[in-house]
Amino acid sequence: VVRRHLLQRYEHQPFISCLAGFYSCRWKRYQRRRTKPGKCCCKTRECVFFPLLVGAFCFSLLFLYMWGEAKNDYNNFDWYNYGNLGFWFLWSLVLLIVAAILFTYITLLLVLAMCLLAEGQQLYLHWSHKIGTFLVLGFSITALFILSVLWGDQWKTVRLSFQITAPYLHIGAITIMVLLSWPVALHAIRADKKVVQVIIVGPYLAILLFLFLIPLGMYSPCIREMGTLGPKPALIGHRGAPMLAPENTEMSFQKTIEHCGDGLETDVTISYDGVPFLMHDSTLRRTTNIKEVYPNDTAQNAALFSWDTLKELNAGTWFLKDKPFSCMGSLSRADQNQAMNQSIYKLSNFLRLADSQNKLVIFDLYRPPEKHPYRNSWINRTLEVILNESGIRPHLVLWLENDMRSFVQSVAPGFQQTMGSKAPVEDLVMDNIVKLNLAYTEMSSEDIRKYAEANITTNLYVVNEPWLFSLAWCSGAHSVTTNAVHTLKNLSQPLFLMTPQQYNIMWILTDLTSVLLISLIFAL
């Protein structure tokens, strides 16, 4: 009898051994203890630390979600770091990988803890995992704080993403609650006092009820009746097709045209001798070989060079070396050779190309620095090139610059006057504005509809991700500026598009199924 009792006590339990081994580094049977009925699942120190583990999971999940949804703007993040560090690297991708690894690690620890609780085992987290938990918690909170300070607009992106992902996040949250019902039910049943049972089950049921009802306050423009979806937004290539070719070069704009883009966007700077050319950065360091040719002038403003100097620089080799986008595909040998031979593009040539292909053009016009010969005549010089040298048809030009707008309207009445910020409809109509060019973070289906009623269309920039383009489509945007014409052109309808009836069925089935499963778990 004694021998049989000892064998039962120390019988081999491989599943629990693995759980306790990975969680507590306690691989042997005698090192573990079961939770007695009515007793706490762990010692006081472990009870204090378990909420930290849950907090690390929540913060790491929040950071991973936030950074995953920020993928649309990774290039801006890398460009910001380039400006501060002086060299190009895909820091955004590194940060995403680190966030995914840390979240996976802390999720595994939490799953192990839940499995141990479900088996009635006392929790004891090994000291190395405790250090890891603190590192994950500290990293996630620090990263969220720094990004909130330096890049606060990303929270607007997160809020927009909820309009697409909320129905599916709801299903995920309900699934987690179903999985948690087993350890909750187990410990509630083992509790020897009613008060303890209420403390265990009460918060669980409150959270579950909240999740059941949260769809009542959910809104998504992609949940709409059949036949109410507007036309697909036009695609305007942001500096051309910068995922396929060096930005702001002839090759980049040709790639946009090849992939059926509807318009071309660029940035215009004026050289020291009055030649408007295409350049986004204030210096030539990132997108040319200025460091090799004129190493002492890398920090000089691009507008302070003559056109004879600018046209000799190579504007393509950096693209093959730095690979500015993490999602870039491999280029063919012909494209690589073409990219290596790109030069800085003149505005006049850009406009002729757009006119020959009947493409809209929109550009940011940069005022030259002080002591520049064209500091005070930059708009006049640009108008000369557009009207007299390029020959482009005026209706293809979306004029964005706000300075001297009345003068521009008098000289070029055919331009489509475009405003870069929201304003009252009455003011826009008075200024003959026909299009708004807004950052996608200002997206609002209500505002877009209001402006459309006054015959003012809306263009959103920069929209690269399919989910964000789908949201812009459902919101009624007329066009988007994008780095990814070649991928967005393939979307035949918005992602996540569904009717209210389909969503209601999905919501009700999810809730009913979860209620059934949770009831069975508590009953058993």
Protein backbone atom coordinates (compact mmCIF):
# COMPACT_ATOMS: atom_id res chain seq x y z
CA VAL A 1 0.00 0.00 0.00
CA VAL A 2 2.80 2.40 0.90
CA ARG A 3 4.66 1.55 -2.33
CA ARG A 4 1.54 2.14 -4.43
CA HIS A 5 1.00 5.50 -2.69
CA LEU A 6 4.56 6.58 -3.43
CA LEU A 7 4.27 5.57 -7.08
CA GLN A 8 1.08 7.58 -7.45
CA ARG A 9 2.75 10.56 -5.84
CA TYR A 10 5.84 10.52 -8.03
CA GLU A 11 4.38 9.11 -11.22
CA HIS A 12 5.84 10.48 -14.42
CA GLN A 13 3.86 13.45 -15.82
CA PRO A 14 5.60 14.52 -19.03
CA PHE A 15 3.15 17.32 -19.93
CA ILE A 16 3.36 19.03 -16.54
CA SER A 17 7.10 18.40 -16.45
CA CYS A 18 7.51 20.31 -19.70
CA LEU A 19 5.29 23.15 -18.52
CA ALA A 20 7.07 23.54 -15.20
CA GLY A 21 10.46 23.01 -16.81
CA PHE A 22 10.08 25.81 -19.33
CA TYR A 23 8.32 28.17 -16.92
CA SER A 24 10.14 27.48 -13.64
CA CYS A 25 13.17 25.38 -14.69
CA ARG A 26 11.78 22.74 -12.30
CA TRP A 27 12.01 19.56 -14.30
CA LYS A 28 11.66 17.05 -11.46
CA ARG A 29 8.40 15.92 -9.92
CA TYR A 30 9.38 16.60 -6.31
CA GLN A 31 10.19 20.24 -7.13
CA ARG A 32 6.57 21.02 -7.99
CA ARG A 33 3.52 21.54 -5.79
CA ARG A 34 -0.17 21.33 -6.55
CA THR A 35 -2.52 24.05 -5.38
CA LYS A 36 -4.69 22.82 -2.55
CA PRO A 37 -8.43 23.59 -2.70
CA GLY A 38 -9.16 27.00 -1.25
CA LYS A 39 -5.52 28.08 -1.40
CA CYS A 40 -3.84 30.70 -3.56
CA CYS A 41 -2.29 29.55 -6.82
CA CYS A 42 1.14 30.82 -5.83
CA LYS A 43 3.17 32.47 -3.12
CA THR A 44 2.85 36.17 -2.32
CA ARG A 45 5.94 37.11 -4.35
CA GLU A 46 4.58 35.26 -7.39
CA CYS A 47 1.13 36.82 -6.89
CA VAL A 48 2.76 40.24 -7.11
CA PHE A 49 4.81 39.34 -10.16
CA PHE A 50 2.03 37.69 -12.19
CA PRO A 51 0.30 41.07 -12.92
CA LEU A 52 3.67 42.32 -14.24
CA LEU A 53 3.73 39.37 -16.62
CA VAL A 54 0.21 40.22 -17.79
CA GLY A 55 1.20 43.91 -18.09
CA ALA A 56 4.26 43.02 -20.17
CA PHE A 57 2.02 40.99 -22.46
CA CYS A 58 -0.45 43.87 -22.87
CA PHE A 59 2.19 46.53 -23.54
CA SER A 60 4.15 44.33 -25.93
CA LEU A 61 0.92 43.49 -27.78
CA LEU A 62 0.02 47.18 -27.98
CA PHE A 63 3.46 48.10 -29.30
CA LEU A 64 3.49 45.25 -31.82
CA TYR A 65 0.04 46.22 -33.10
CA MET A 66 0.93 49.90 -33.23
CA TRP A 67 4.20 49.29 -35.06
CA GLY A 68 2.67 46.72 -37.38
CA GLU A 69 -0.02 49.20 -38.45
CA ALA A 70 2.68 51.87 -38.88
CA LYS A 71 4.16 49.90 -41.80
CA ASN A 72 2.60 52.41 -44.18
CA ASP A 73 5.10 55.02 -42.89
CA TYR A 74 8.25 52.94 -42.37
CA ASN A 75 10.04 54.90 -45.07
CA ASN A 76 9.37 58.16 -43.19
CA PHE A 77 10.76 56.60 -40.00
CA ASP A 78 13.91 55.44 -41.78
CA TRP A 79 14.28 58.81 -43.47
CA TYR A 80 14.02 60.54 -40.06
CA ASN A 81 16.77 58.32 -38.68
CA TYR A 82 18.88 58.95 -41.75
CA GLY A 83 18.67 62.68 -41.11
CA ASN A 84 19.92 62.19 -37.56
CA LEU A 85 22.45 59.39 -38.04
CA GLY A 86 23.82 60.24 -41.47
CA PHE A 87 23.51 56.75 -42.98
CA TRP A 88 20.61 54.73 -44.37
CA PHE A 89 19.39 51.58 -42.65
CA LEU A 90 16.02 49.83 -42.37
CA TRP A 91 15.58 50.55 -38.66
CA SER A 92 11.83 50.16 -39.03
CA LEU A 93 12.17 46.50 -40.03
CA VAL A 94 14.60 45.79 -37.18
CA LEU A 95 12.16 47.32 -34.70
CA LEU A 96 9.32 45.19 -36.08
CA ILE A 97 11.38 42.00 -35.73
CA VAL A 98 12.41 42.86 -32.17
CA ALA A 99 8.80 43.66 -31.22
CA ALA A 100 7.61 40.34 -32.68
CA ILE A 101 10.30 38.34 -30.85
CA LEU A 102 9.61 39.99 -27.49
CA PHE A 103 5.85 39.55 -27.87
CA THR A 104 6.27 35.88 -28.80
CA TYR A 105 8.50 35.31 -25.77
CA ILE A 106 6.16 36.94 -23.26
CA THR A 107 3.13 35.24 -24.84
CA LEU A 108 4.75 31.82 -24.39
CA LEU A 109 5.41 32.58 -20.73
CA LEU A 110 1.81 33.63 -20.22
CA VAL A 111 0.48 30.51 -22.00
CA LEU A 112 2.71 28.31 -19.83
CA ALA A 113 1.40 30.05 -16.72
CA MET A 114 -2.22 29.54 -17.78
CA CYS A 115 -1.59 25.87 -18.53
CA LEU A 116 0.04 25.36 -15.13
CA LEU A 117 -2.91 27.05 -13.45
CA ALA A 118 -5.31 24.86 -15.40
CA GLU A 119 -3.41 21.80 -14.12
CA GLY A 120 -3.64 23.05 -10.56
CA GLN A 121 0.10 23.69 -10.24
CA GLN A 122 1.62 26.46 -8.15
CA LEU A 123 3.38 29.16 -10.17
CA TYR A 124 7.05 29.87 -9.79
CA LEU A 125 8.66 31.92 -12.56
CA HIS A 126 12.39 31.40 -12.88
CA TRP A 127 14.56 34.43 -12.13
CA SER A 128 15.86 34.55 -15.74
CA HIS A 129 12.30 34.83 -17.03
CA LYS A 130 11.59 37.54 -14.46
CA ILE A 131 14.48 39.56 -15.84
CA GLY A 132 13.17 38.90 -19.37
CA THR A 133 9.71 40.08 -18.34
CA PHE A 134 11.12 43.33 -16.96
CA LEU A 135 13.10 43.84 -20.16
CA VAL A 136 10.02 43.31 -22.35
CA LEU A 137 7.92 45.61 -20.16
CA GLY A 138 10.60 48.31 -20.07
CA PHE A 139 11.31 48.11 -23.80
CA SER A 140 7.63 48.26 -24.77
CA ILE A 141 6.80 51.20 -22.51
CA THR A 142 9.95 53.11 -23.54
CA ALA A 143 9.33 52.49 -27.26
CA LEU A 144 5.70 53.58 -26.97
CA PHE A 145 6.71 56.73 -25.11
CA ILE A 146 9.47 57.70 -27.56
CA LEU A 147 7.27 57.09 -30.60
CA SER A 148 4.43 59.05 -28.99
CA VAL A 149 6.73 62.02 -28.46
CA LEU A 150 8.55 61.96 -31.80
CA TRP A 151 5.84 60.44 -34.00
CA GLY A 152 2.53 61.06 -32.29
CA ASP A 153 0.55 60.96 -35.54
CA GLN A 154 0.93 57.18 -35.57
CA TRP A 155 -1.78 56.97 -32.93
CA LYS A 156 -4.10 58.48 -35.56
CA THR A 157 -3.09 55.60 -37.83
CA VAL A 158 -3.92 53.14 -35.06
CA ARG A 159 -7.35 54.71 -34.60
CA LEU A 160 -7.97 54.50 -38.34
CA SER A 161 -6.90 50.87 -38.37
CA PHE A 162 -9.59 50.02 -35.84
CA GLN A 163 -12.18 50.94 -38.49
CA ILE A 164 -10.83 47.99 -40.49
CA THR A 165 -9.59 45.52 -37.86
CA ALA A 166 -12.12 46.03 -35.03
CA PRO A 167 -14.52 43.27 -36.16
CA TYR A 168 -11.64 40.78 -36.29
CA LEU A 169 -10.01 42.01 -33.07
CA HIS A 170 -13.40 41.44 -31.46
CA ILE A 171 -13.38 37.78 -32.56
CA GLY A 172 -9.81 37.39 -31.30
CA ALA A 173 -10.67 38.87 -27.90
CA ILE A 174 -13.70 36.57 -27.53
CA THR A 175 -11.50 33.57 -28.43
CA ILE A 176 -9.01 34.51 -25.70
CA MET A 177 -11.83 34.79 -23.17
CA VAL A 178 -13.04 31.30 -24.13
CA LEU A 179 -9.54 29.91 -23.56
CA LEU A 180 -9.29 31.68 -20.21
CA SER A 181 -12.59 30.22 -19.05
CA TRP A 182 -10.93 26.89 -18.14
CA PRO A 183 -8.45 28.20 -15.52
CA VAL A 184 -11.04 30.71 -14.26
CA ALA A 185 -13.65 27.98 -13.78
CA LEU A 186 -11.12 25.62 -12.20
CA HIS A 187 -9.99 28.12 -9.57
CA ALA A 188 -13.51 29.35 -8.90
CA ILE A 189 -14.65 25.80 -8.18
CA ARG A 190 -11.64 25.11 -5.95
CA ALA A 191 -12.22 28.26 -3.93
CA ASP A 192 -13.72 27.45 -0.52
CA LYS A 193 -15.37 30.86 0.01
CA LYS A 194 -18.10 32.57 -1.96
CA VAL A 195 -16.30 35.90 -1.75
CA VAL A 196 -13.24 34.42 -3.44
CA GLN A 197 -15.41 32.89 -6.16
CA VAL A 198 -17.03 36.27 -6.84
CA ILE A 199 -13.61 37.95 -6.98
CA ILE A 200 -12.45 35.38 -9.54
CA VAL A 201 -15.56 35.11 -11.72
CA GLY A 202 -16.94 38.68 -11.40
CA PRO A 203 -14.23 40.56 -13.37
CA TYR A 204 -14.14 37.77 -15.96
CA LEU A 205 -17.87 38.02 -16.63
CA ALA A 206 -17.75 41.84 -16.65
CA ILE A 207 -15.03 41.84 -19.33
CA LEU A 208 -16.91 39.18 -21.30
CA LEU A 209 -20.14 41.21 -21.22
CA PHE A 210 -18.25 44.31 -22.36
CA LEU A 211 -16.80 42.38 -25.32
CA PHE A 212 -20.25 41.03 -26.22
CA LEU A 213 -21.68 44.55 -26.41
CA ILE A 214 -18.74 46.50 -27.86
CA PRO A 215 -19.87 45.98 -31.51
CA LEU A 216 -22.85 48.24 -30.75
CA GLY A 217 -20.44 51.20 -30.76
CA MET A 218 -18.27 49.99 -33.63
CA TYR A 219 -18.04 51.96 -36.91
CA SER A 220 -16.40 51.10 -40.19
CA PRO A 221 -17.07 52.72 -43.59
CA CYS A 222 -16.32 49.32 -45.12
CA ILE A 223 -19.45 47.88 -43.47
CA ARG A 224 -22.01 49.20 -45.93
CA GLU A 225 -24.99 48.21 -48.04
CA MET A 226 -24.44 46.65 -51.46
CA GLY A 227 -24.26 49.20 -54.28
CA THR A 228 -23.23 52.16 -52.09
CA LEU A 229 -19.48 51.89 -52.66
CA GLY A 230 -17.99 54.69 -54.74
CA PRO A 231 -15.47 54.34 -57.58
CA LYS A 232 -11.92 53.19 -56.91
CA PRO A 233 -9.62 56.13 -56.01
CA ALA A 234 -7.20 57.28 -58.69
CA LEU A 235 -3.53 56.43 -58.03
CA ILE A 236 -0.92 59.20 -58.04
CA GLY A 237 2.68 58.01 -57.94
CA HIS A 238 4.54 59.57 -54.99
CA ARG A 239 7.84 60.69 -56.52
CA GLY A 240 7.00 58.19 -59.21
CA ALA A 241 7.29 54.54 -58.23
CA PRO A 242 10.01 54.67 -55.55
CA MET A 243 9.70 50.96 -54.73
CA LEU A 244 10.61 50.09 -58.31
CA ALA A 245 13.06 52.85 -59.28
CA PRO A 246 15.05 55.74 -57.77
CA GLU A 247 12.61 58.41 -56.59
CA ASN A 248 12.04 61.57 -58.65
CA THR A 249 13.89 60.18 -61.69
CA GLU A 250 12.63 59.64 -65.21
CA MET A 251 12.69 55.88 -64.65
CA SER A 252 10.51 56.22 -61.56
CA PHE A 253 7.82 58.16 -63.41
CA GLN A 254 7.99 55.79 -66.37
CA LYS A 255 7.33 52.90 -63.98
CA THR A 256 4.26 54.69 -62.64
CA ILE A 257 2.98 55.11 -66.18
CA GLU A 258 3.72 51.45 -67.00
CA HIS A 259 1.60 50.40 -64.02
CA CYS A 260 -1.31 52.59 -65.10
CA GLY A 261 -0.95 55.34 -62.51
CA ASP A 262 -3.34 58.23 -62.99
CA GLY A 263 -1.00 61.00 -61.89
CA LEU A 264 2.53 61.92 -60.86
CA GLU A 265 3.66 63.66 -57.67
CA THR A 266 7.06 65.23 -57.11
CA ASP A 267 9.07 67.95 -55.32
CA VAL A 268 10.51 70.98 -57.08
CA THR A 269 13.64 72.94 -56.16
CA ILE A 270 15.23 75.76 -58.19
CA SER A 271 18.94 75.66 -58.96
CA TYR A 272 21.22 78.63 -58.38
CA ASP A 273 20.97 79.58 -62.06
CA GLY A 274 17.18 79.29 -62.17
CA VAL A 275 16.49 75.77 -63.46
CA PRO A 276 13.66 74.02 -61.59
CA PHE A 277 14.56 70.38 -60.90
CA LEU A 278 13.13 67.50 -58.90
CA MET A 279 14.54 66.88 -55.41
CA HIS A 280 12.80 66.07 -52.15
CA ASP A 281 15.63 66.53 -49.64
CA SER A 282 17.23 69.86 -48.86
CA THR A 283 20.64 68.30 -49.60
CA LEU A 284 21.90 65.94 -52.29
CA ARG A 285 23.47 63.49 -49.85
CA ARG A 286 20.84 60.75 -49.76
CA THR A 287 19.79 60.42 -53.42
CA THR A 288 22.94 61.30 -55.41
CA ASN A 289 26.65 60.51 -55.46
CA ILE A 290 27.57 64.01 -54.21
CA LYS A 291 29.76 62.47 -51.49
CA GLU A 292 31.99 60.91 -54.14
CA VAL A 293 32.12 63.86 -56.51
CA TYR A 294 32.06 66.82 -54.12
CA PRO A 295 32.76 65.40 -50.63
CA ASN A 296 33.05 68.86 -49.07
CA ASP A 297 29.61 69.97 -50.28
CA THR A 298 27.42 67.16 -48.98
CA ALA A 299 25.69 69.43 -46.43
CA GLN A 300 25.08 72.29 -48.87
CA ASN A 301 21.52 73.10 -49.88
CA ALA A 302 20.62 71.53 -53.22
CA ALA A 303 19.33 74.88 -54.51
CA LEU A 304 22.80 76.41 -54.23
CA PHE A 305 24.24 74.26 -57.03
CA SER A 306 24.15 75.25 -60.69
CA TRP A 307 22.31 73.08 -63.15
CA ASP A 308 25.55 72.23 -64.95
CA THR A 309 26.78 70.67 -61.71
CA LEU A 310 23.50 68.97 -60.85
CA LYS A 311 22.99 67.28 -64.19
CA GLU A 312 26.35 65.51 -63.92
CA LEU A 313 25.46 63.76 -60.67
CA ASN A 314 24.24 60.18 -60.56
CA ALA A 315 20.78 59.85 -58.99
CA GLY A 316 20.34 56.07 -59.16
CA THR A 317 23.19 54.05 -57.67
CA TRP A 318 22.07 54.85 -54.10
CA PHE A 319 18.79 53.04 -54.80
CA LEU A 320 20.49 49.71 -55.48
CA LYS A 321 22.84 50.15 -52.54
CA ASP A 322 20.45 51.33 -49.79
CA LYS A 323 17.21 49.58 -50.85
CA PRO A 324 14.98 52.23 -49.26
CA PHE A 325 11.91 49.99 -48.80
CA SER A 326 11.79 46.73 -46.87
CA CYS A 327 9.17 45.31 -49.26
CA MET A 328 11.13 45.98 -52.45
CA GLY A 329 11.18 43.13 -54.92
CA SER A 330 14.24 42.13 -56.89
CA LEU A 331 14.90 44.15 -60.04
CA SER A 332 15.63 42.62 -63.40
CA ARG A 333 19.11 43.08 -64.82
CA ALA A 334 17.75 45.61 -67.33
CA ASP A 335 16.08 47.63 -64.55
CA GLN A 336 19.25 47.55 -62.47
CA ASN A 337 21.29 48.90 -65.36
CA GLN A 338 18.69 51.58 -66.04
CA ALA A 339 18.56 52.60 -62.38
CA MET A 340 22.34 52.94 -62.19
CA ASN A 341 22.28 55.49 -65.00
CA GLN A 342 19.60 57.85 -63.70
CA SER A 343 20.31 61.55 -63.29
CA ILE A 344 18.52 64.48 -61.67
CA TYR A 345 15.35 65.28 -63.61
CA LYS A 346 14.38 68.74 -64.82
CA LEU A 347 10.87 70.02 -64.15
CA SER A 348 10.34 70.85 -67.80
CA ASN A 349 11.14 67.29 -68.89
CA PHE A 350 8.89 65.90 -66.16
CA LEU A 351 5.97 68.04 -67.35
CA ARG A 352 6.48 67.05 -70.98
CA LEU A 353 6.38 63.38 -69.99
CA ALA A 354 3.17 63.87 -68.00
CA ASP A 355 1.54 65.79 -70.84
CA SER A 356 2.47 63.16 -73.42
CA GLN A 357 0.81 60.47 -71.26
CA ASN A 358 -2.14 62.63 -70.18
CA LYS A 359 -1.22 62.33 -66.47
CA LEU A 360 -2.09 64.76 -63.70
CA VAL A 361 0.82 66.39 -61.89
CA ILE A 362 1.05 67.73 -58.36
CA PHE A 363 4.20 68.96 -56.66
CA ASP A 364 5.55 70.62 -53.55
CA LEU A 365 7.41 73.76 -54.54
CA TYR A 366 10.35 74.63 -52.24
CA ARG A 367 11.35 78.23 -51.78
CA PRO A 368 15.11 78.75 -52.27
CA PRO A 369 17.22 79.72 -49.23
CA GLU A 370 18.24 83.29 -48.43
CA LYS A 371 20.71 84.98 -50.77
CA HIS A 372 19.51 82.74 -53.61
CA PRO A 373 19.01 84.74 -56.85
CA TYR A 374 15.44 83.39 -57.19
CA ARG A 375 14.50 83.68 -53.54
CA ASN A 376 11.73 86.19 -54.31
CA SER A 377 10.83 85.09 -57.83
CA TRP A 378 10.61 81.33 -57.34
CA ILE A 379 6.91 81.12 -58.22
CA ASN A 380 7.31 83.33 -61.29
CA ARG A 381 10.21 81.20 -62.52
CA THR A 382 8.25 77.99 -62.00
CA LEU A 383 5.27 79.41 -63.88
CA GLU A 384 7.54 80.36 -66.78
CA VAL A 385 8.68 76.77 -67.09
CA ILE A 386 5.15 75.36 -66.85
CA LEU A 387 3.48 77.79 -69.23
CA ASN A 388 6.25 78.61 -71.70
CA GLU A 389 8.81 75.79 -71.72
CA SER A 390 6.94 72.55 -71.00
CA GLY A 391 3.79 72.95 -73.08
CA ILE A 392 1.72 70.92 -70.63
CA ARG A 393 -2.03 71.42 -70.80
CA PRO A 394 -3.06 73.57 -67.81
CA HIS A 395 -5.90 71.31 -66.61
CA LEU A 396 -3.34 68.58 -65.85
CA VAL A 397 -1.62 70.76 -63.22
CA LEU A 398 -2.86 70.52 -59.63
CA TRP A 399 -1.46 73.76 -58.22
CA LEU A 400 -0.70 73.24 -54.52
CA GLU A 401 1.46 76.20 -53.48
CA ASN A 402 -0.59 78.69 -51.45
CA ASP A 403 1.66 81.75 -51.80
CA MET A 404 0.55 84.18 -54.51
CA ARG A 405 -2.44 81.98 -55.33
CA SER A 406 -4.49 84.89 -56.69
CA PHE A 407 -1.65 85.83 -59.03
CA VAL A 408 -1.30 82.22 -60.21
CA GLN A 409 -5.04 82.06 -60.92
CA SER A 410 -4.84 85.21 -63.02
CA VAL A 411 -1.84 83.97 -65.01
CA ALA A 412 -2.93 80.34 -65.32
CA PRO A 413 -6.71 80.10 -64.89
CA GLY A 414 -6.69 76.54 -66.23
CA PHE A 415 -4.78 75.09 -63.28
CA GLN A 416 -6.76 72.96 -60.82
CA GLN A 417 -6.35 74.91 -57.60
CA THR A 418 -5.52 72.54 -54.75
CA MET A 419 -5.39 73.25 -51.01
CA GLY A 420 -3.15 71.39 -48.59
CA SER A 421 -5.34 71.71 -45.50
CA LYS A 422 -8.97 71.56 -44.46
CA ALA A 423 -11.01 74.78 -44.46
CA PRO A 424 -14.67 75.79 -44.42
CA VAL A 425 -16.42 74.92 -47.67
CA GLU A 426 -17.41 78.55 -48.23
CA ASP A 427 -13.77 79.70 -48.10
CA LEU A 428 -12.65 76.98 -50.48
CA VAL A 429 -15.34 77.82 -53.01
CA MET A 430 -14.45 81.52 -52.79
CA ASP A 431 -10.80 80.70 -53.56
CA ASN A 432 -11.80 78.46 -56.50
CA ILE A 433 -10.35 75.37 -54.79
CA VAL A 434 -11.38 72.16 -56.57
CA LYS A 435 -9.26 69.61 -54.68
CA LEU A 436 -7.91 69.03 -51.18
CA ASN A 437 -4.54 67.33 -50.70
CA LEU A 438 -4.60 65.93 -47.15
CA ALA A 439 -2.49 63.61 -45.04
CA TYR A 440 -4.26 60.28 -44.69
CA THR A 441 -4.37 60.76 -40.90
CA GLU A 442 -6.98 63.48 -41.55
CA MET A 443 -9.24 60.99 -43.32
CA SER A 444 -12.90 61.44 -42.48
CA SER A 445 -15.71 59.99 -44.56
CA GLU A 446 -18.02 62.73 -43.28
CA ASP A 447 -15.67 65.53 -44.34
CA ILE A 448 -14.97 63.88 -47.70
CA ARG A 449 -18.70 63.66 -48.36
CA LYS A 450 -19.24 67.27 -47.28
CA TYR A 451 -16.54 68.55 -49.64
CA ALA A 452 -17.77 66.34 -52.49
CA GLU A 453 -21.21 67.96 -52.25
CA ALA A 454 -19.46 71.25 -53.11
CA ASN A 455 -17.62 69.60 -56.05
CA ILE A 456 -14.34 69.56 -54.13
CA THR A 457 -12.53 66.23 -54.42
CA THR A 458 -10.08 64.83 -51.85
CA ASN A 459 -6.63 63.33 -52.38
CA LEU A 460 -4.97 61.51 -49.47
CA TYR A 461 -1.22 60.99 -49.03
CA VAL A 462 0.83 58.84 -48.63
CA VAL A 463 -1.22 55.62 -48.80
CA ASN A 464 0.81 52.45 -49.38
CA GLU A 465 -0.84 49.61 -47.47
CA PRO A 466 -3.85 47.77 -48.97
CA TRP A 467 -5.85 48.09 -45.72
CA LEU A 468 -5.36 51.86 -45.68
CA PHE A 469 -6.20 52.16 -49.36
CA SER A 470 -9.34 50.10 -48.72
CA LEU A 471 -10.34 52.48 -45.94
CA ALA A 472 -9.76 55.49 -48.22
CA TRP A 473 -11.87 53.81 -50.91
CA CYS A 474 -14.72 53.10 -48.50
CA SER A 475 -14.49 56.67 -47.13
CA GLY A 476 -15.04 58.13 -50.60
CA ALA A 477 -11.58 59.56 -51.39
CA HIS A 478 -11.24 60.56 -55.04
CA SER A 479 -7.52 59.77 -55.27
CA VAL A 480 -4.49 58.78 -53.20
CA THR A 481 -0.81 59.53 -53.49
CA THR A 482 1.13 56.28 -53.09
CA ASN A 483 4.54 54.64 -53.30
CA ALA A 484 2.86 51.38 -54.33
CA VAL A 485 0.96 51.97 -57.57
CA HIS A 486 2.10 48.56 -58.76
CA THR A 487 0.31 46.74 -55.90
CA LEU A 488 -2.74 48.91 -55.27
CA LYS A 489 -3.74 48.80 -58.93
CA ASN A 490 -4.54 45.09 -58.46
CA LEU A 491 -7.24 45.63 -55.84
CA SER A 492 -10.63 45.11 -57.46
CA GLN A 493 -12.56 45.91 -54.26
CA PRO A 494 -11.71 47.08 -50.74
CA LEU A 495 -10.40 44.54 -48.29
CA PHE A 496 -12.73 43.67 -45.38
CA LEU A 497 -15.77 44.94 -47.30
CA MET A 498 -19.02 43.47 -45.91
CA THR A 499 -22.67 44.34 -45.56
CA PRO A 500 -24.24 45.17 -42.17
CA GLN A 501 -26.19 41.91 -42.37
CA GLN A 502 -22.99 39.89 -42.85
CA TYR A 503 -21.34 41.63 -39.93
CA ASN A 504 -24.35 41.09 -37.67
CA ILE A 505 -24.32 37.38 -38.46
CA MET A 506 -20.60 37.19 -37.71
CA TRP A 507 -21.07 39.07 -34.42
CA ILE A 508 -24.06 37.02 -33.22
CA LEU A 509 -22.51 33.67 -34.17
CA THR A 510 -19.28 34.57 -32.37
CA ASP A 511 -21.12 35.56 -29.19
CA LEU A 512 -23.45 32.55 -29.21
CA THR A 513 -20.62 30.09 -29.86
CA SER A 514 -18.52 31.57 -27.06
CA VAL A 515 -21.45 31.50 -24.61
CA LEU A 516 -22.03 27.83 -25.41
CA LEU A 517 -18.37 26.87 -24.99
CA ILE A 518 -17.90 28.85 -21.78
CA SER A 519 -21.10 27.39 -20.30
CA LEU A 520 -19.93 23.86 -21.08
CA ILE A 521 -16.51 24.53 -19.52
CA PHE A 522 -18.04 25.90 -16.30
CA ALA A 523 -20.57 23.03 -16.21
CA LEU A 524 -17.89 20.37 -16.58
